[in-house]
């Protein structure tokens, strides 16, 4: 399956705006994150498990247990703070 992964804020600065990723059918958001971290380098740092990140699947906030479908759009971004 193929999906589009979009990055925002500091993650976008590290990885760029978006990329297309090939994943196994039935993958979860957490599995996609782990696969991206496994690439090492900038992906490992920007998406590290120690970092607080939010995710959205097809523009709806979700947790890492959400299942990703073919053609989906997955976004990662840091928690937003107000001021």
PDB file of N, CA and C in Angstrom:
ATOM      1  N   UNK A   1       0.848  -1.177   0.000  1.00  0.00           N
ATOM      2  CA  UNK A   1       0.000   0.000   0.000  1.00  0.00           C
ATOM      3  C   UNK A   1       0.894   1.242   0.000  1.00  0.00           C
ATOM      4  N   UNK A   2       0.354   2.295  -0.508  1.00  0.00           N
ATOM      5  CA  UNK A   2       1.085   3.561  -0.538  1.00  0.00           C
ATOM      6  C   UNK A   2       0.259   4.620   0.183  1.00  0.00           C
ATOM      7  N   UNK A   3       0.960   5.465   0.953  1.00  0.00           N
ATOM      8  CA  UNK A   3       0.294   6.587   1.597  1.00  0.00           C
ATOM      9  C   UNK A   3       1.184   7.804   1.539  1.00  0.00           C
ATOM     10  N   UNK A   4       0.598   8.955   1.751  1.00  0.00           N
ATOM     11  CA  UNK A   4       1.333  10.207   1.816  1.00  0.00           C
ATOM     12  C   UNK A   4       1.518  10.573   3.279  1.00  0.00           C
ATOM     13  N   UNK A   5       2.754  10.856   3.657  1.00  0.00           N
ATOM     14  CA  UNK A   5       3.048  11.288   5.022  1.00  0.00           C
ATOM     15  C   UNK A   5       3.428  12.754   4.963  1.00  0.00           C
ATOM     16  N   UNK A   6       2.724  13.568   5.728  1.00  0.00           N
ATOM     17  CA  UNK A   6       2.986  15.010   5.782  1.00  0.00           C
ATOM     18  C   UNK A   6       3.563  15.356   7.148  1.00  0.00           C
ATOM     19  N   UNK A   7       4.442  16.344   7.142  1.00  0.00           N
ATOM     20  CA  UNK A   7       5.108  16.775   8.373  1.00  0.00           C
ATOM     21  C   UNK A   7       4.865  18.264   8.580  1.00  0.00           C
ATOM     22  N   UNK A   8       4.728  18.668   9.840  1.00  0.00           N
ATOM     23  CA  UNK A   8       4.459  20.064  10.155  1.00  0.00           C
ATOM     24  C   UNK A   8       5.395  20.571  11.252  1.00  0.00           C
ATOM     25  N   UNK A   9       5.552  21.884  11.284  1.00  0.00           N
ATOM     26  CA  UNK A   9       6.345  22.599  12.290  1.00  0.00           C
ATOM     27  C   UNK A   9       7.792  22.111  12.295  1.00  0.00           C
ATOM     28  N   UNK A  10       8.352  21.812  13.453  1.00  0.00           N
ATOM     29  CA  UNK A  10       9.763  21.427  13.553  1.00  0.00           C
ATOM     30  C   UNK A  10      10.069  20.134  12.799  1.00  0.00           C
ATOM     31  N   UNK A  11       9.096  19.253  12.678  1.00  0.00           N
ATOM     32  CA  UNK A  11       9.308  18.008  11.939  1.00  0.00           C
ATOM     33  C   UNK A  11       9.473  18.315  10.448  1.00  0.00           C
ATOM     34  N   UNK A  12       8.699  19.258   9.974  1.00  0.00           N
ATOM     35  CA  UNK A  12       8.804  19.680   8.571  1.00  0.00           C
ATOM     36  C   UNK A  12      10.179  20.276   8.293  1.00  0.00           C
ATOM     37  N   UNK A  13      10.703  21.032   9.243  1.00  0.00           N
ATOM     38  CA  UNK A  13      12.036  21.614   9.076  1.00  0.00           C
ATOM     39  C   UNK A  13      13.105  20.532   8.948  1.00  0.00           C
ATOM     40  N   UNK A  14      12.920  19.427   9.652  1.00  0.00           N
ATOM     41  CA  UNK A  14      13.903  18.341   9.633  1.00  0.00           C
ATOM     42  C   UNK A  14      13.743  17.406   8.433  1.00  0.00           C
ATOM     43  N   UNK A  15      12.488  17.162   8.005  1.00  0.00           N
ATOM     44  CA  UNK A  15      12.232  16.121   7.015  1.00  0.00           C
ATOM     45  C   UNK A  15      11.633  16.612   5.693  1.00  0.00           C
ATOM     46  N   UNK A  16      11.242  17.871   5.638  1.00  0.00           N
ATOM     47  CA  UNK A  16      10.561  18.363   4.447  1.00  0.00           C
ATOM     48  C   UNK A  16       9.056  18.296   4.651  1.00  0.00           C
ATOM     49  N   UNK A  17       8.322  18.744   3.659  1.00  0.00           N
ATOM     50  CA  UNK A  17       6.870  18.870   3.794  1.00  0.00           C
ATOM     51  C   UNK A  17       6.125  17.545   3.743  1.00  0.00           C
ATOM     52  N   UNK A  18       6.557  16.633   2.870  1.00  0.00           N
ATOM     53  CA  UNK A  18       5.805  15.389   2.690  1.00  0.00           C
ATOM     54  C   UNK A  18       6.645  14.371   1.939  1.00  0.00           C
ATOM     55  N   UNK A  19       6.201  13.135   2.008  1.00  0.00           N
ATOM     56  CA  UNK A  19       6.810  12.068   1.222  1.00  0.00           C
ATOM     57  C   UNK A  19       5.786  10.960   1.022  1.00  0.00           C
ATOM     58  N   UNK A  20       6.007  10.169   0.000  1.00  0.00           N
ATOM     59  CA  UNK A  20       5.169   9.017  -0.273  1.00  0.00           C
ATOM     60  C   UNK A  20       5.872   7.795   0.288  1.00  0.00           C
ATOM     61  N   UNK A  21       5.119   6.936   0.998  1.00  0.00           N
ATOM     62  CA  UNK A  21       5.705   5.789   1.694  1.00  0.00           C
ATOM     63  C   UNK A  21       4.945   4.519   1.318  1.00  0.00           C
ATOM     64  N   UNK A  22       5.680   3.452   1.107  1.00  0.00           N
ATOM     65  CA  UNK A  22       5.105   2.125   0.843  1.00  0.00           C
ATOM     66  C   UNK A  22       5.047   1.380   2.168  1.00  0.00           C
ATOM     67  N   UNK A  23       3.859   0.852   2.527  1.00  0.00           N
ATOM     68  CA  UNK A  23       3.695   0.135   3.794  1.00  0.00           C
ATOM     69  C   UNK A  23       2.942  -1.175   3.569  1.00  0.00           C
ATOM     70  N   UNK A  24       3.012  -2.039   4.564  1.00  0.00           N
ATOM     71  CA  UNK A  24       2.283  -3.311   4.498  1.00  0.00           C
ATOM     72  C   UNK A  24       0.801  -3.074   4.771  1.00  0.00           C
ATOM     73  N   UNK A  25      -0.044  -3.867   4.144  1.00  0.00           N
ATOM     74  CA  UNK A  25      -1.482  -3.772   4.368  1.00  0.00           C
ATOM     75  C   UNK A  25      -1.786  -4.055   5.834  1.00  0.00           C
ATOM     76  N   UNK A  26      -2.710  -3.301   6.410  1.00  0.00           N
ATOM     77  CA  UNK A  26      -3.101  -3.479   7.805  1.00  0.00           C
ATOM     78  C   UNK A  26      -2.206  -2.767   8.798  1.00  0.00           C
ATOM     79  N   UNK A  27      -1.251  -1.962   8.308  1.00  0.00           N
ATOM     80  CA  UNK A  27      -0.342  -1.244   9.203  1.00  0.00           C
ATOM     81  C   UNK A  27      -1.092  -0.201  10.025  1.00  0.00           C
ATOM     82  N   UNK A  28      -0.598   0.041  11.216  1.00  0.00           N
ATOM     83  CA  UNK A  28      -1.148   1.084  12.075  1.00  0.00           C
ATOM     84  C   UNK A  28      -0.286   2.339  11.970  1.00  0.00           C
ATOM     85  N   UNK A  29      -0.796   3.427  12.501  1.00  0.00           N
ATOM     86  CA  UNK A  29      -0.035   4.672  12.543  1.00  0.00           C
ATOM     87  C   UNK A  29       1.280   4.440  13.303  1.00  0.00           C
ATOM     88  N   UNK A  30       1.223   3.712  14.408  1.00  0.00           N
ATOM     89  CA  UNK A  30       2.429   3.420  15.183  1.00  0.00           C
ATOM     90  C   UNK A  30       3.445   2.629  14.386  1.00  0.00           C
ATOM     91  N   UNK A  31       2.985   1.672  13.580  1.00  0.00           N
ATOM     92  CA  UNK A  31       3.891   0.869  12.758  1.00  0.00           C
ATOM     93  C   UNK A  31       4.552   1.729  11.683  1.00  0.00           C
ATOM     94  N   UNK A  32       3.806   2.659  11.118  1.00  0.00           N
ATOM     95  CA  UNK A  32       4.380   3.569  10.123  1.00  0.00           C
ATOM     96  C   UNK A  32       5.443   4.438  10.786  1.00  0.00           C
ATOM     97  N   UNK A  33       5.133   4.966  11.950  1.00  0.00           N
ATOM     98  CA  UNK A  33       6.117   5.779  12.674  1.00  0.00           C
ATOM     99  C   UNK A  33       7.376   4.967  12.952  1.00  0.00           C
ATOM    100  N   UNK A  34       7.216   3.737  13.424  1.00  0.00           N
ATOM    101  CA  UNK A  34       8.374   2.887  13.704  1.00  0.00           C
ATOM    102  C   UNK A  34       9.197   2.620  12.447  1.00  0.00           C
ATOM    103  N   UNK A  35       8.530   2.393  11.319  1.00  0.00           N
ATOM    104  CA  UNK A  35       9.240   2.144  10.060  1.00  0.00           C
ATOM    105  C   UNK A  35      10.029   3.381   9.629  1.00  0.00           C
ATOM    106  N   UNK A  36       9.455   4.558   9.836  1.00  0.00           N
ATOM    107  CA  UNK A  36      10.162   5.788   9.496  1.00  0.00           C
ATOM    108  C   UNK A  36      11.348   6.006  10.430  1.00  0.00           C
ATOM    109  N   UNK A  37      11.179   5.740  11.715  1.00  0.00           N
ATOM    110  CA  UNK A  37      12.272   5.857  12.678  1.00  0.00           C
ATOM    111  C   UNK A  37      13.410   4.908  12.302  1.00  0.00           C
ATOM    112  N   UNK A  38      13.058   3.712  11.845  1.00  0.00           N
ATOM    113  CA  UNK A  38      14.059   2.704  11.488  1.00  0.00           C
ATOM    114  C   UNK A  38      14.943   3.145  10.324  1.00  0.00           C
ATOM    115  N   UNK A  39      14.525   4.124   9.570  1.00  0.00           N
ATOM    116  CA  UNK A  39      15.365   4.652   8.490  1.00  0.00           C
ATOM    117  C   UNK A  39      16.632   5.295   9.038  1.00  0.00           C
ATOM    118  N   UNK A  40      16.575   5.712  10.306  1.00  0.00           N
ATOM    119  CA  UNK A  40      17.719   6.372  10.925  1.00  0.00           C
ATOM    120  C   UNK A  40      17.808   7.832  10.513  1.00  0.00           C
ATOM    121  N   UNK A  41      18.937   8.428  10.790  1.00  0.00           N
ATOM    122  CA  UNK A  41      19.199   9.815  10.415  1.00  0.00           C
ATOM    123  C   UNK A  41      18.160  10.791  10.927  1.00  0.00           C
ATOM    124  N   UNK A  42      17.768  11.714  10.056  1.00  0.00           N
ATOM    125  CA  UNK A  42      16.815  12.763  10.424  1.00  0.00           C
ATOM    126  C   UNK A  42      15.465  12.191  10.835  1.00  0.00           C
ATOM    127  N   UNK A  43      15.030  11.097  10.187  1.00  0.00           N
ATOM    128  CA  UNK A  43      13.752  10.490  10.555  1.00  0.00           C
ATOM    129  C   UNK A  43      13.783   9.989  12.002  1.00  0.00           C
ATOM    130  N   UNK A  44      14.873   9.350  12.380  1.00  0.00           N
ATOM    131  CA  UNK A  44      14.985   8.810  13.740  1.00  0.00           C
ATOM    132  C   UNK A  44      14.928   9.926  14.775  1.00  0.00           C
ATOM    133  N   UNK A  45      15.561  11.042  14.496  1.00  0.00           N
ATOM    134  CA  UNK A  45      15.553  12.151  15.443  1.00  0.00           C
ATOM    135  C   UNK A  45      14.220  12.875  15.502  1.00  0.00           C
ATOM    136  N   UNK A  46      13.634  13.157  14.355  1.00  0.00           N
ATOM    137  CA  UNK A  46      12.399  13.948  14.301  1.00  0.00           C
ATOM    138  C   UNK A  46      11.185  13.184  14.819  1.00  0.00           C
ATOM    139  N   UNK A  47      11.180  11.853  14.642  1.00  0.00           N
ATOM    140  CA  UNK A  47      10.013  11.053  15.020  1.00  0.00           C
ATOM    141  C   UNK A  47      10.273  10.152  16.228  1.00  0.00           C
ATOM    142  N   UNK A  48      11.370  10.377  16.917  1.00  0.00           N
ATOM    143  CA  UNK A  48      11.800   9.518  18.029  1.00  0.00           C
ATOM    144  C   UNK A  48      10.684   9.269  19.036  1.00  0.00           C
ATOM    145  N   UNK A  49      10.696   8.079  19.597  1.00  0.00           N
ATOM    146  CA  UNK A  49       9.675   7.684  20.570  1.00  0.00           C
ATOM    147  C   UNK A  49       9.656   8.578  21.799  1.00  0.00           C
ATOM    148  N   UNK A  50      10.752   9.209  22.148  1.00  0.00           N
ATOM    149  CA  UNK A  50      10.792  10.105  23.296  1.00  0.00           C
ATOM    150  C   UNK A  50      10.149  11.459  23.052  1.00  0.00           C
ATOM    151  N   UNK A  51       9.851  11.758  21.801  1.00  0.00           N
ATOM    152  CA  UNK A  51       9.233  13.047  21.451  1.00  0.00           C
ATOM    153  C   UNK A  51       7.716  12.939  21.491  1.00  0.00           C
ATOM    154  N   UNK A  52       7.096  13.958  22.047  1.00  0.00           N
ATOM    155  CA  UNK A  52       5.628  14.023  22.037  1.00  0.00           C
ATOM    156  C   UNK A  52       5.193  14.479  20.647  1.00  0.00           C
ATOM    157  N   UNK A  53       4.424  13.639  19.968  1.00  0.00           N
ATOM    158  CA  UNK A  53       3.921  13.970  18.641  1.00  0.00           C
ATOM    159  C   UNK A  53       2.438  13.677  18.562  1.00  0.00           C
ATOM    160  N   UNK A  54       1.771  14.421  17.739  1.00  0.00           N
ATOM    161  CA  UNK A  54       0.374  14.161  17.412  1.00  0.00           C
ATOM    162  C   UNK A  54       0.345  13.572  16.020  1.00  0.00           C
ATOM    163  N   UNK A  55      -0.726  12.855  15.724  1.00  0.00           N
ATOM    164  CA  UNK A  55      -0.898  12.320  14.378  1.00  0.00           C
ATOM    165  C   UNK A  55      -2.331  12.524  13.933  1.00  0.00           C
ATOM    166  N   UNK A  56      -2.490  12.662  12.634  1.00  0.00           N
ATOM    167  CA  UNK A  56      -3.818  12.800  12.046  1.00  0.00           C
ATOM    168  C   UNK A  56      -3.867  11.906  10.809  1.00  0.00           C
ATOM    169  N   UNK A  57      -4.947  11.166  10.686  1.00  0.00           N
ATOM    170  CA  UNK A  57      -5.159  10.282   9.550  1.00  0.00           C
ATOM    171  C   UNK A  57      -6.306  10.850   8.735  1.00  0.00           C
ATOM    172  N   UNK A  58      -6.018  11.215   7.488  1.00  0.00           N
ATOM    173  CA  UNK A  58      -7.013  11.859   6.624  1.00  0.00           C
ATOM    174  C   UNK A  58      -7.635  13.078   7.295  1.00  0.00           C
ATOM    175  N   UNK A  59      -6.781  13.871   7.931  1.00  0.00           N
ATOM    176  CA  UNK A  59      -7.117  15.146   8.563  1.00  0.00           C
ATOM    177  C   UNK A  59      -7.988  15.026   9.808  1.00  0.00           C
ATOM    178  N   UNK A  60      -7.972  13.847  10.443  1.00  0.00           N
ATOM    179  CA  UNK A  60      -8.690  13.633  11.693  1.00  0.00           C
ATOM    180  C   UNK A  60      -7.683  13.135  12.721  1.00  0.00           C
ATOM    181  N   UNK A  61      -7.612  13.807  13.884  1.00  0.00           N
ATOM    182  CA  UNK A  61      -6.689  13.374  14.920  1.00  0.00           C
ATOM    183  C   UNK A  61      -6.913  11.900  15.254  1.00  0.00           C
ATOM    184  N   UNK A  62      -5.828  11.179  15.471  1.00  0.00           N
ATOM    185  CA  UNK A  62      -5.946   9.753  15.768  1.00  0.00           C
ATOM    186  C   UNK A  62      -4.831   9.331  16.720  1.00  0.00           C
ATOM    187  N   UNK A  63      -4.963   8.126  17.266  1.00  0.00           N
ATOM    188  CA  UNK A  63      -3.879   7.580  18.072  1.00  0.00           C
ATOM    189  C   UNK A  63      -3.099   6.583  17.223  1.00  0.00           C
ATOM    190  N   UNK A  64      -2.060   6.025  17.797  1.00  0.00           N
ATOM    191  CA  UNK A  64      -1.172   5.153  17.025  1.00  0.00           C
ATOM    192  C   UNK A  64      -1.776   3.790  16.709  1.00  0.00           C
ATOM    193  N   UNK A  65      -2.913   3.468  17.273  1.00  0.00           N
ATOM    194  CA  UNK A  65      -3.568   2.187  16.987  1.00  0.00           C
ATOM    195  C   UNK A  65      -4.437   2.242  15.735  1.00  0.00           C
ATOM    196  N   UNK A  66      -4.643   3.438  15.185  1.00  0.00           N
ATOM    197  CA  UNK A  66      -5.475   3.588  13.988  1.00  0.00           C
ATOM    198  C   UNK A  66      -4.850   2.854  12.808  1.00  0.00           C
ATOM    199  N   UNK A  67      -5.680   2.151  12.049  1.00  0.00           N
ATOM    200  CA  UNK A  67      -5.222   1.404  10.884  1.00  0.00           C
ATOM    201  C   UNK A  67      -5.212   2.309   9.659  1.00  0.00           C
ATOM    202  N   UNK A  68      -4.128   2.221   8.901  1.00  0.00           N
ATOM    203  CA  UNK A  68      -3.934   3.054   7.725  1.00  0.00           C
ATOM    204  C   UNK A  68      -4.406   2.305   6.472  1.00  0.00           C
ATOM    205  N   UNK A  69      -5.165   2.972   5.623  1.00  0.00           N
ATOM    206  CA  UNK A  69      -5.655   2.374   4.378  1.00  0.00           C
ATOM    207  C   UNK A  69      -4.830   2.876   3.196  1.00  0.00           C
ATOM    208  N   UNK A  70      -4.881   2.144   2.108  1.00  0.00           N
ATOM    209  CA  UNK A  70      -4.185   2.525   0.890  1.00  0.00           C
ATOM    210  C   UNK A  70      -4.642   3.908   0.441  1.00  0.00           C
ATOM    211  N   UNK A  71      -3.700   4.755   0.077  1.00  0.00           N
ATOM    212  CA  UNK A  71      -4.015   6.097  -0.402  1.00  0.00           C
ATOM    213  C   UNK A  71      -4.269   7.113   0.687  1.00  0.00           C
ATOM    214  N   UNK A  72      -4.117   6.725   1.942  1.00  0.00           N
ATOM    215  CA  UNK A  72      -4.397   7.627   3.060  1.00  0.00           C
ATOM    216  C   UNK A  72      -3.353   8.739   3.154  1.00  0.00           C
ATOM    217  N   UNK A  73      -3.714   9.773   3.902  1.00  0.00           N
ATOM    218  CA  UNK A  73      -2.796  10.849   4.234  1.00  0.00           C
ATOM    219  C   UNK A  73      -2.584  10.818   5.745  1.00  0.00           C
ATOM    220  N   UNK A  74      -1.332  10.670   6.145  1.00  0.00           N
ATOM    221  CA  UNK A  74      -0.963  10.624   7.551  1.00  0.00           C
ATOM    222  C   UNK A  74      -0.096  11.820   7.845  1.00  0.00           C
ATOM    223  N   UNK A  75      -0.410  12.563   8.895  1.00  0.00           N
ATOM    224  CA  UNK A  75       0.361  13.745   9.262  1.00  0.00           C
ATOM    225  C   UNK A  75       0.922  13.588  10.659  1.00  0.00           C
ATOM    226  N   UNK A  76       2.145  14.073  10.843  1.00  0.00           N
ATOM    227  CA  UNK A  76       2.787  14.121  12.160  1.00  0.00           C
ATOM    228  C   UNK A  76       3.121  15.571  12.474  1.00  0.00           C
ATOM    229  N   UNK A  77       2.844  15.964  13.720  1.00  0.00           N
ATOM    230  CA  UNK A  77       3.151  17.332  14.139  1.00  0.00           C
ATOM    231  C   UNK A  77       3.316  17.370  15.645  1.00  0.00           C
ATOM    232  N   UNK A  78       4.106  18.320  16.155  1.00  0.00           N
ATOM    233  CA  UNK A  78       4.259  18.437  17.592  1.00  0.00           C
ATOM    234  C   UNK A  78       2.983  19.002  18.212  1.00  0.00           C
ATOM    235  N   UNK A  79       2.772  18.744  19.516  1.00  0.00           N
ATOM    236  CA  UNK A  79       1.592  19.321  20.176  1.00  0.00           C
ATOM    237  C   UNK A  79       1.617  20.849  20.049  1.00  0.00           C
ATOM    238  N   UNK A  80       0.469  21.424  19.871  1.00  0.00           N
ATOM    239  CA  UNK A  80       0.354  22.873  19.712  1.00  0.00           C
ATOM    240  C   UNK A  80       0.162  23.507  21.073  1.00  0.00           C
ATOM    241  N   UNK A  81       0.873  24.613  21.293  1.00  0.00           N
ATOM    242  CA  UNK A  81       0.681  25.358  22.529  1.00  0.00           C
ATOM    243  C   UNK A  81       0.150  26.734  22.185  1.00  0.00           C
ATOM    244  N   UNK A  82      -0.634  27.259  23.056  1.00  0.00           N
ATOM    245  CA  UNK A  82      -1.203  28.583  22.828  1.00  0.00           C
ATOM    246  C   UNK A  82      -0.450  29.642  23.616  1.00  0.00           C
ATOM    247  N   UNK A  83      -0.794  30.842  23.381  1.00  0.00           N
ATOM    248  CA  UNK A  83      -0.103  31.861  24.133  1.00  0.00           C
ATOM    249  C   UNK A  83      -0.791  33.114  23.975  1.00  0.00           C
TER     250      UNK A  83
END
